[in-house]
Amino acid sequence: MNNDQLQDLVERLSLQLFGKTFKHKALFNPRLRTTGGRYLLSSHNIEINKKYYDEFGEAELIGIIKHELCHYHLHLEGRGYQHRDSDFKKLLSAVDAPRFCTPLLTKSVKKTTLDYVYICTDCHTLFKRKKRMNINRYVCGKCRGKLMLISEKRS
């Protein structure tokens, strides 16, 4: 799907579901990372994350468009267009639009971190840290004893 096909789809959905025309631009924005789409208040354009269409298909894309069209039409009418407004929540349920989009699978991959475990040589208290620390500079917080690195592990 390209930007012209997206524009046609948004215009068609706006007429079918809201009974109003969509007079601005709808386009794919490749810079969007954490959101399915966004409605721009200043230009009244709608930007969509193409990764959602690629990963989940047209059904998810239509849900995102419905959501953004709710923002669009309510804002132009001067009614509550923000997520917390009751007008917005009512319109979402009226057109069966999702409140949130499905999380991307590629986003949920967690990076491994290196954990460091230190022990106090006097009171034997364990300290777990994500970042390496200079044991010549820091001491135990309980007894002010000397620290020693005992393990580095990947989690």
N, C-alpha and C. Protein backbone atom coordinates (compact mmCIF):
# COMPACT_ATOMS: atom_id res chain seq x y z
N MET A 1 0.85 -1.18 0.00
CA MET A 1 0.00 0.00 0.00
C MET A 1 0.89 1.24 0.00
N ASN A 2 0.53 2.22 -0.81
CA ASN A 2 1.29 3.47 -0.86
C ASN A 2 0.45 4.61 -0.27
N ASN A 3 0.99 5.82 -0.31
CA ASN A 3 0.31 6.97 0.29
C ASN A 3 -1.01 7.31 -0.41
N ASP A 4 -1.08 7.14 -1.72
CA ASP A 4 -2.32 7.43 -2.45
C ASP A 4 -3.44 6.46 -2.05
N GLN A 5 -3.10 5.18 -1.93
CA GLN A 5 -4.09 4.20 -1.51
C GLN A 5 -4.52 4.45 -0.06
N LEU A 6 -3.58 4.87 0.79
CA LEU A 6 -3.91 5.20 2.17
C LEU A 6 -4.86 6.40 2.21
N GLN A 7 -4.59 7.41 1.40
CA GLN A 7 -5.46 8.58 1.35
C GLN A 7 -6.88 8.19 0.95
N ASP A 8 -7.01 7.34 -0.07
CA ASP A 8 -8.33 6.88 -0.51
C ASP A 8 -9.05 6.11 0.60
N LEU A 9 -8.32 5.25 1.30
CA LEU A 9 -8.91 4.45 2.37
C LEU A 9 -9.40 5.35 3.51
N VAL A 10 -8.61 6.35 3.88
CA VAL A 10 -9.00 7.26 4.96
C VAL A 10 -10.23 8.06 4.56
N GLU A 11 -10.26 8.56 3.33
CA GLU A 11 -11.43 9.33 2.86
C GLU A 11 -12.68 8.46 2.85
N ARG A 12 -12.54 7.23 2.39
CA ARG A 12 -13.68 6.31 2.33
C ARG A 12 -14.21 5.97 3.73
N LEU A 13 -13.29 5.67 4.67
CA LEU A 13 -13.70 5.35 6.04
C LEU A 13 -14.34 6.56 6.72
N SER A 14 -13.85 7.73 6.45
CA SER A 14 -14.40 8.94 7.05
C SER A 14 -15.85 9.15 6.61
N LEU A 15 -16.11 8.94 5.33
CA LEU A 15 -17.48 9.09 4.83
C LEU A 15 -18.40 7.99 5.36
N GLN A 16 -17.93 6.75 5.36
CA GLN A 16 -18.77 5.62 5.79
C GLN A 16 -19.09 5.67 7.28
N LEU A 17 -18.09 5.90 8.12
CA LEU A 17 -18.26 5.79 9.57
C LEU A 17 -18.71 7.09 10.23
N PHE A 18 -18.24 8.22 9.73
CA PHE A 18 -18.51 9.49 10.38
C PHE A 18 -19.50 10.36 9.61
N GLY A 19 -19.72 10.03 8.34
CA GLY A 19 -20.61 10.83 7.50
C GLY A 19 -20.05 12.20 7.16
N LYS A 20 -18.73 12.33 7.27
CA LYS A 20 -18.06 13.61 7.02
C LYS A 20 -16.86 13.37 6.12
N THR A 21 -16.47 14.39 5.37
CA THR A 21 -15.34 14.25 4.46
C THR A 21 -14.03 14.51 5.21
N PHE A 22 -12.99 13.85 4.73
CA PHE A 22 -11.64 14.08 5.23
C PHE A 22 -10.95 14.97 4.21
N LYS A 23 -10.64 16.20 4.59
CA LYS A 23 -10.16 17.20 3.64
C LYS A 23 -8.65 17.42 3.69
N HIS A 24 -7.94 16.65 4.48
CA HIS A 24 -6.51 16.87 4.62
C HIS A 24 -5.73 15.65 4.13
N LYS A 25 -4.45 15.57 4.47
CA LYS A 25 -3.62 14.49 3.95
C LYS A 25 -3.45 13.37 4.97
N ALA A 26 -3.40 12.17 4.45
CA ALA A 26 -3.05 10.99 5.24
C ALA A 26 -1.85 10.35 4.55
N LEU A 27 -0.82 10.06 5.34
CA LEU A 27 0.39 9.50 4.74
C LEU A 27 1.11 8.62 5.73
N PHE A 28 1.97 7.77 5.18
CA PHE A 28 2.82 6.91 6.00
C PHE A 28 4.04 7.70 6.44
N ASN A 29 4.37 7.62 7.72
CA ASN A 29 5.56 8.29 8.24
C ASN A 29 6.53 7.22 8.73
N PRO A 30 7.66 7.03 8.02
CA PRO A 30 8.59 5.97 8.41
C PRO A 30 9.34 6.26 9.71
N ARG A 31 9.27 7.49 10.22
CA ARG A 31 9.97 7.83 11.46
C ARG A 31 9.20 7.45 12.72
N LEU A 32 7.92 7.10 12.58
CA LEU A 32 7.15 6.70 13.76
C LEU A 32 7.67 5.37 14.29
N ARG A 33 7.89 5.28 15.58
CA ARG A 33 8.45 4.07 16.17
C ARG A 33 7.51 3.43 17.18
N THR A 34 6.94 4.22 18.08
CA THR A 34 6.22 3.65 19.22
C THR A 34 4.72 3.77 19.11
N THR A 35 4.21 4.38 18.07
CA THR A 35 2.77 4.60 17.95
C THR A 35 2.28 4.12 16.60
N GLY A 36 1.00 3.75 16.55
CA GLY A 36 0.42 3.29 15.29
C GLY A 36 0.13 4.43 14.33
N GLY A 37 -0.17 5.59 14.88
CA GLY A 37 -0.45 6.75 14.05
C GLY A 37 -0.58 7.97 14.91
N ARG A 38 -0.69 9.13 14.26
CA ARG A 38 -0.89 10.36 15.01
C ARG A 38 -1.64 11.38 14.16
N TYR A 39 -2.45 12.18 14.87
CA TYR A 39 -3.17 13.28 14.26
C TYR A 39 -2.44 14.56 14.61
N LEU A 40 -2.07 15.34 13.60
CA LEU A 40 -1.32 16.57 13.83
C LEU A 40 -2.29 17.73 13.98
N LEU A 41 -2.28 18.37 15.13
CA LEU A 41 -3.22 19.45 15.43
C LEU A 41 -3.02 20.67 14.52
N SER A 42 -1.78 20.98 14.19
CA SER A 42 -1.51 22.20 13.43
C SER A 42 -1.91 22.09 11.97
N SER A 43 -1.61 20.96 11.34
CA SER A 43 -1.90 20.81 9.91
C SER A 43 -3.15 19.98 9.65
N HIS A 44 -3.68 19.31 10.65
CA HIS A 44 -4.85 18.41 10.56
C HIS A 44 -4.58 17.17 9.71
N ASN A 45 -3.32 16.87 9.46
CA ASN A 45 -2.96 15.67 8.71
C ASN A 45 -2.89 14.47 9.66
N ILE A 46 -2.98 13.29 9.07
CA ILE A 46 -2.86 12.06 9.83
C ILE A 46 -1.65 11.30 9.30
N GLU A 47 -0.79 10.88 10.22
CA GLU A 47 0.38 10.08 9.87
C GLU A 47 0.20 8.68 10.44
N ILE A 48 0.56 7.68 9.64
CA ILE A 48 0.38 6.28 10.02
C ILE A 48 1.73 5.57 9.98
N ASN A 49 1.94 4.67 10.93
CA ASN A 49 3.15 3.84 10.98
C ASN A 49 2.94 2.63 10.06
N LYS A 50 3.73 2.55 9.00
CA LYS A 50 3.56 1.49 8.01
C LYS A 50 3.91 0.10 8.56
N LYS A 51 4.72 0.06 9.60
CA LYS A 51 5.11 -1.24 10.18
C LYS A 51 3.89 -2.01 10.68
N TYR A 52 2.86 -1.29 11.16
CA TYR A 52 1.65 -1.97 11.63
C TYR A 52 0.91 -2.63 10.48
N TYR A 53 0.89 -1.98 9.32
CA TYR A 53 0.26 -2.58 8.15
C TYR A 53 1.06 -3.80 7.68
N ASP A 54 2.38 -3.67 7.65
CA ASP A 54 3.24 -4.77 7.21
C ASP A 54 3.14 -5.98 8.15
N GLU A 55 3.06 -5.73 9.45
CA GLU A 55 3.09 -6.82 10.42
C GLU A 55 1.71 -7.43 10.70
N PHE A 56 0.65 -6.60 10.75
CA PHE A 56 -0.66 -7.09 11.16
C PHE A 56 -1.72 -7.05 10.07
N GLY A 57 -1.47 -6.34 8.98
CA GLY A 57 -2.42 -6.34 7.88
C GLY A 57 -3.40 -5.18 7.91
N GLU A 58 -4.38 -5.26 7.03
CA GLU A 58 -5.31 -4.16 6.81
C GLU A 58 -6.28 -3.96 7.96
N ALA A 59 -6.64 -5.01 8.67
CA ALA A 59 -7.59 -4.87 9.78
C ALA A 59 -7.02 -3.96 10.87
N GLU A 60 -5.76 -4.15 11.22
CA GLU A 60 -5.12 -3.30 12.23
C GLU A 60 -4.98 -1.87 11.71
N LEU A 61 -4.66 -1.73 10.43
CA LEU A 61 -4.54 -0.41 9.83
C LEU A 61 -5.86 0.35 9.88
N ILE A 62 -6.95 -0.33 9.60
CA ILE A 62 -8.27 0.31 9.64
C ILE A 62 -8.60 0.75 11.07
N GLY A 63 -8.24 -0.05 12.06
CA GLY A 63 -8.46 0.33 13.45
C GLY A 63 -7.69 1.59 13.83
N ILE A 64 -6.45 1.69 13.37
CA ILE A 64 -5.63 2.87 13.65
C ILE A 64 -6.23 4.09 12.97
N ILE A 65 -6.68 3.93 11.72
CA ILE A 65 -7.28 5.04 10.99
C ILE A 65 -8.56 5.52 11.68
N LYS A 66 -9.39 4.59 12.15
CA LYS A 66 -10.60 4.97 12.87
C LYS A 66 -10.26 5.80 14.11
N HIS A 67 -9.26 5.37 14.84
CA HIS A 67 -8.83 6.06 16.04
C HIS A 67 -8.39 7.49 15.71
N GLU A 68 -7.56 7.63 14.69
CA GLU A 68 -7.05 8.96 14.32
C GLU A 68 -8.16 9.84 13.75
N LEU A 69 -9.11 9.24 13.07
CA LEU A 69 -10.23 10.02 12.55
C LEU A 69 -11.12 10.54 13.68
N CYS A 70 -11.20 9.81 14.78
CA CYS A 70 -11.93 10.31 15.94
C CYS A 70 -11.27 11.59 16.46
N HIS A 71 -9.93 11.58 16.59
CA HIS A 71 -9.22 12.79 16.97
C HIS A 71 -9.51 13.92 15.99
N TYR A 72 -9.43 13.61 14.70
CA TYR A 72 -9.58 14.59 13.63
C TYR A 72 -10.94 15.28 13.68
N HIS A 73 -12.01 14.51 13.64
CA HIS A 73 -13.35 15.09 13.56
C HIS A 73 -13.73 15.83 14.84
N LEU A 74 -13.36 15.29 16.00
CA LEU A 74 -13.68 15.97 17.25
C LEU A 74 -12.91 17.29 17.38
N HIS A 75 -11.66 17.30 16.96
CA HIS A 75 -10.87 18.53 17.05
C HIS A 75 -11.43 19.61 16.14
N LEU A 76 -11.83 19.23 14.93
CA LEU A 76 -12.39 20.22 14.00
C LEU A 76 -13.75 20.74 14.47
N GLU A 77 -14.49 19.93 15.22
CA GLU A 77 -15.78 20.36 15.75
C GLU A 77 -15.65 21.15 17.05
N GLY A 78 -14.44 21.22 17.60
CA GLY A 78 -14.23 21.94 18.84
C GLY A 78 -14.67 21.18 20.08
N ARG A 79 -14.78 19.87 19.97
CA ARG A 79 -15.17 19.03 21.09
C ARG A 79 -13.93 18.35 21.68
N GLY A 80 -14.11 17.60 22.75
CA GLY A 80 -12.99 16.94 23.43
C GLY A 80 -12.37 15.85 22.57
N TYR A 81 -11.17 16.07 22.10
CA TYR A 81 -10.51 15.13 21.18
C TYR A 81 -9.39 14.34 21.85
N GLN A 82 -9.08 14.61 23.11
CA GLN A 82 -7.99 13.92 23.78
C GLN A 82 -8.46 12.59 24.36
N HIS A 83 -7.51 11.70 24.63
CA HIS A 83 -7.84 10.36 25.10
C HIS A 83 -8.68 10.36 26.37
N ARG A 84 -8.49 11.35 27.23
CA ARG A 84 -9.20 11.37 28.50
C ARG A 84 -10.61 11.95 28.41
N ASP A 85 -10.97 12.57 27.28
CA ASP A 85 -12.27 13.24 27.14
C ASP A 85 -13.40 12.24 26.89
N SER A 86 -14.55 12.53 27.47
CA SER A 86 -15.69 11.61 27.32
C SER A 86 -16.21 11.61 25.88
N ASP A 87 -16.15 12.76 25.18
CA ASP A 87 -16.57 12.80 23.77
C ASP A 87 -15.74 11.83 22.94
N PHE A 88 -14.45 11.80 23.21
CA PHE A 88 -13.56 10.92 22.47
C PHE A 88 -13.87 9.45 22.76
N LYS A 89 -14.08 9.12 24.02
CA LYS A 89 -14.37 7.74 24.39
C LYS A 89 -15.69 7.26 23.80
N LYS A 90 -16.69 8.17 23.78
CA LYS A 90 -17.99 7.80 23.20
C LYS A 90 -17.88 7.56 21.70
N LEU A 91 -17.15 8.42 21.00
CA LEU A 91 -17.00 8.26 19.55
C LEU A 91 -16.19 7.01 19.21
N LEU A 92 -15.19 6.71 20.01
CA LEU A 92 -14.42 5.48 19.80
C LEU A 92 -15.32 4.25 19.85
N SER A 93 -16.18 4.20 20.85
CA SER A 93 -17.05 3.03 20.97
C SER A 93 -18.13 3.03 19.89
N ALA A 94 -18.56 4.21 19.45
CA ALA A 94 -19.60 4.29 18.42
C ALA A 94 -19.11 3.75 17.08
N VAL A 95 -17.84 4.00 16.75
CA VAL A 95 -17.30 3.53 15.46
C VAL A 95 -16.47 2.26 15.62
N ASP A 96 -16.44 1.70 16.83
CA ASP A 96 -15.72 0.46 17.12
C ASP A 96 -14.22 0.60 16.80
N ALA A 97 -13.64 1.70 17.27
CA ALA A 97 -12.21 1.94 17.09
C ALA A 97 -11.46 1.52 18.34
N PRO A 98 -10.26 1.00 18.20
CA PRO A 98 -9.49 0.58 19.38
C PRO A 98 -8.93 1.77 20.14
N ARG A 99 -8.83 1.65 21.44
CA ARG A 99 -8.23 2.72 22.24
C ARG A 99 -6.71 2.69 22.10
N PHE A 100 -6.14 1.49 22.00
CA PHE A 100 -4.70 1.31 21.82
C PHE A 100 -4.47 0.33 20.69
N CYS A 101 -3.33 0.45 20.02
CA CYS A 101 -3.02 -0.50 18.95
C CYS A 101 -2.20 -1.67 19.53
N THR A 102 -2.17 -2.74 18.79
CA THR A 102 -1.43 -3.93 19.19
C THR A 102 0.07 -3.62 19.20
N PRO A 103 0.80 -4.01 20.23
CA PRO A 103 2.24 -3.75 20.24
C PRO A 103 2.96 -4.50 19.13
N LEU A 104 3.94 -3.84 18.53
CA LEU A 104 4.74 -4.49 17.49
C LEU A 104 5.57 -5.60 18.10
N LEU A 105 5.72 -6.70 17.35
CA LEU A 105 6.50 -7.83 17.85
C LEU A 105 7.98 -7.49 17.88
N THR A 106 8.45 -6.72 16.91
CA THR A 106 9.87 -6.38 16.86
C THR A 106 10.26 -5.46 17.99
N LYS A 107 9.31 -4.69 18.53
CA LYS A 107 9.60 -3.77 19.62
C LYS A 107 9.78 -4.50 20.94
N SER A 108 9.13 -5.63 21.11
CA SER A 108 9.13 -6.31 22.39
C SER A 108 10.38 -7.16 22.66
N VAL A 109 11.33 -7.18 21.73
CA VAL A 109 12.55 -7.94 21.94
C VAL A 109 13.42 -7.19 22.94
N LYS A 110 13.74 -7.85 24.06
CA LYS A 110 14.50 -7.20 25.13
C LYS A 110 15.99 -7.45 24.92
N LYS A 111 16.78 -6.39 25.08
CA LYS A 111 18.22 -6.53 24.98
C LYS A 111 18.76 -7.17 26.25
N THR A 112 19.81 -7.95 26.12
CA THR A 112 20.41 -8.55 27.29
C THR A 112 21.31 -7.53 27.97
N THR A 113 21.32 -7.55 29.29
CA THR A 113 22.17 -6.65 30.04
C THR A 113 23.18 -7.46 30.83
N LEU A 114 24.26 -6.82 31.15
CA LEU A 114 25.31 -7.46 31.93
C LEU A 114 25.12 -7.04 33.38
N ASP A 115 24.97 -7.99 34.29
CA ASP A 115 24.81 -7.68 35.70
C ASP A 115 26.12 -7.94 36.42
N TYR A 116 26.42 -7.07 37.38
CA TYR A 116 27.62 -7.20 38.19
C TYR A 116 27.20 -7.46 39.62
N VAL A 117 27.87 -8.39 40.28
CA VAL A 117 27.58 -8.70 41.68
C VAL A 117 28.85 -8.44 42.48
N TYR A 118 28.70 -7.58 43.49
CA TYR A 118 29.79 -7.22 44.39
C TYR A 118 29.46 -7.74 45.77
N ILE A 119 30.51 -8.03 46.57
CA ILE A 119 30.33 -8.46 47.95
C ILE A 119 31.26 -7.64 48.84
N CYS A 120 30.75 -7.34 50.01
CA CYS A 120 31.57 -6.64 51.00
C CYS A 120 32.48 -7.67 51.67
N THR A 121 33.76 -7.36 51.76
CA THR A 121 34.70 -8.32 52.34
C THR A 121 34.58 -8.40 53.87
N ASP A 122 33.91 -7.41 54.48
CA ASP A 122 33.77 -7.42 55.95
C ASP A 122 32.44 -8.05 56.39
N CYS A 123 31.29 -7.48 55.92
CA CYS A 123 29.99 -7.96 56.40
C CYS A 123 29.31 -8.92 55.41
N HIS A 124 29.91 -9.18 54.28
CA HIS A 124 29.45 -10.13 53.26
C HIS A 124 28.07 -9.79 52.66
N THR A 125 27.75 -8.50 52.60
CA THR A 125 26.52 -8.05 51.95
C THR A 125 26.71 -8.07 50.44
N LEU A 126 25.69 -8.57 49.71
CA LEU A 126 25.76 -8.62 48.26
C LEU A 126 25.15 -7.35 47.67
N PHE A 127 25.76 -6.85 46.60
CA PHE A 127 25.26 -5.69 45.87
C PHE A 127 25.18 -6.07 44.39
N LYS A 128 23.99 -5.96 43.81
CA LYS A 128 23.80 -6.26 42.39
C LYS A 128 23.66 -4.95 41.64
N ARG A 129 24.41 -4.80 40.57
CA ARG A 129 24.40 -3.56 39.80
C ARG A 129 24.34 -3.88 38.31
N LYS A 130 23.69 -3.00 37.56
CA LYS A 130 23.65 -3.15 36.10
C LYS A 130 24.89 -2.53 35.46
N LYS A 131 25.46 -1.53 36.14
CA LYS A 131 26.66 -0.88 35.63
C LYS A 131 27.86 -1.27 36.50
N ARG A 132 28.99 -1.34 35.84
CA ARG A 132 30.22 -1.65 36.56
C ARG A 132 30.59 -0.44 37.41
N MET A 133 31.12 -0.69 38.61
CA MET A 133 31.54 0.42 39.47
C MET A 133 33.00 0.26 39.88
N ASN A 134 33.60 1.37 40.19
CA ASN A 134 35.01 1.41 40.58
C ASN A 134 35.12 1.01 42.05
N ILE A 135 35.65 -0.19 42.30
CA ILE A 135 35.71 -0.69 43.68
C ILE A 135 36.78 0.02 44.50
N ASN A 136 37.68 0.74 43.85
CA ASN A 136 38.68 1.52 44.59
C ASN A 136 38.09 2.83 45.11
N ARG A 137 36.96 3.24 44.55
CA ARG A 137 36.34 4.51 44.93
C ARG A 137 35.16 4.33 45.89
N TYR A 138 34.41 3.22 45.74
CA TYR A 138 33.20 3.02 46.54
C TYR A 138 33.42 1.96 47.61
N VAL A 139 32.67 2.09 48.72
CA VAL A 139 32.76 1.15 49.84
C VAL A 139 31.36 0.65 50.17
N CYS A 140 31.26 -0.31 51.05
CA CYS A 140 29.99 -0.87 51.49
C CYS A 140 29.16 0.21 52.19
N GLY A 141 27.88 0.24 51.90
CA GLY A 141 27.00 1.22 52.50
C GLY A 141 26.61 0.90 53.93
N LYS A 142 26.81 -0.34 54.34
CA LYS A 142 26.45 -0.73 55.71
C LYS A 142 27.61 -0.55 56.69
N CYS A 143 28.76 -1.09 56.30
CA CYS A 143 29.87 -1.10 57.27
C CYS A 143 31.11 -0.35 56.78
N ARG A 144 31.04 0.22 55.60
CA ARG A 144 32.14 0.95 54.96
C ARG A 144 33.35 0.04 54.68
N GLY A 145 33.06 -1.26 54.51
CA GLY A 145 34.12 -2.21 54.19
C GLY A 145 34.47 -2.18 52.71
N LYS A 146 35.51 -2.87 52.34
CA LYS A 146 36.00 -2.92 50.97
C LYS A 146 35.11 -3.83 50.12
N LEU A 147 34.83 -3.44 48.87
CA LEU A 147 34.01 -4.24 47.96
C LEU A 147 34.89 -5.08 47.05
N MET A 148 34.31 -6.23 46.63
CA MET A 148 35.02 -7.11 45.70
C MET A 148 34.03 -7.61 44.65
N LEU A 149 34.43 -7.58 43.39
CA LEU A 149 33.58 -8.07 42.29
C LEU A 149 33.63 -9.60 42.33
N ILE A 150 32.44 -10.24 42.41
CA ILE A 150 32.45 -11.72 42.45
C ILE A 150 31.91 -12.33 41.17
N SER A 151 31.04 -11.61 40.40
CA SER A 151 30.60 -12.22 39.15
C SER A 151 30.06 -11.17 38.17
N GLU A 152 30.22 -11.52 36.90
CA GLU A 152 29.63 -10.77 35.80
C GLU A 152 28.79 -11.77 35.03
N LYS A 153 27.51 -11.50 34.87
CA LYS A 153 26.66 -12.46 34.15
C LYS A 153 25.72 -11.74 33.23
N ARG A 154 25.34 -12.40 32.15
CA ARG A 154 24.36 -11.88 31.21
C ARG A 154 22.97 -12.37 31.61
N SER A 155 22.01 -11.45 31.56
CA SER A 155 20.64 -11.86 31.90
C SER A 155 19.72 -11.69 30.72
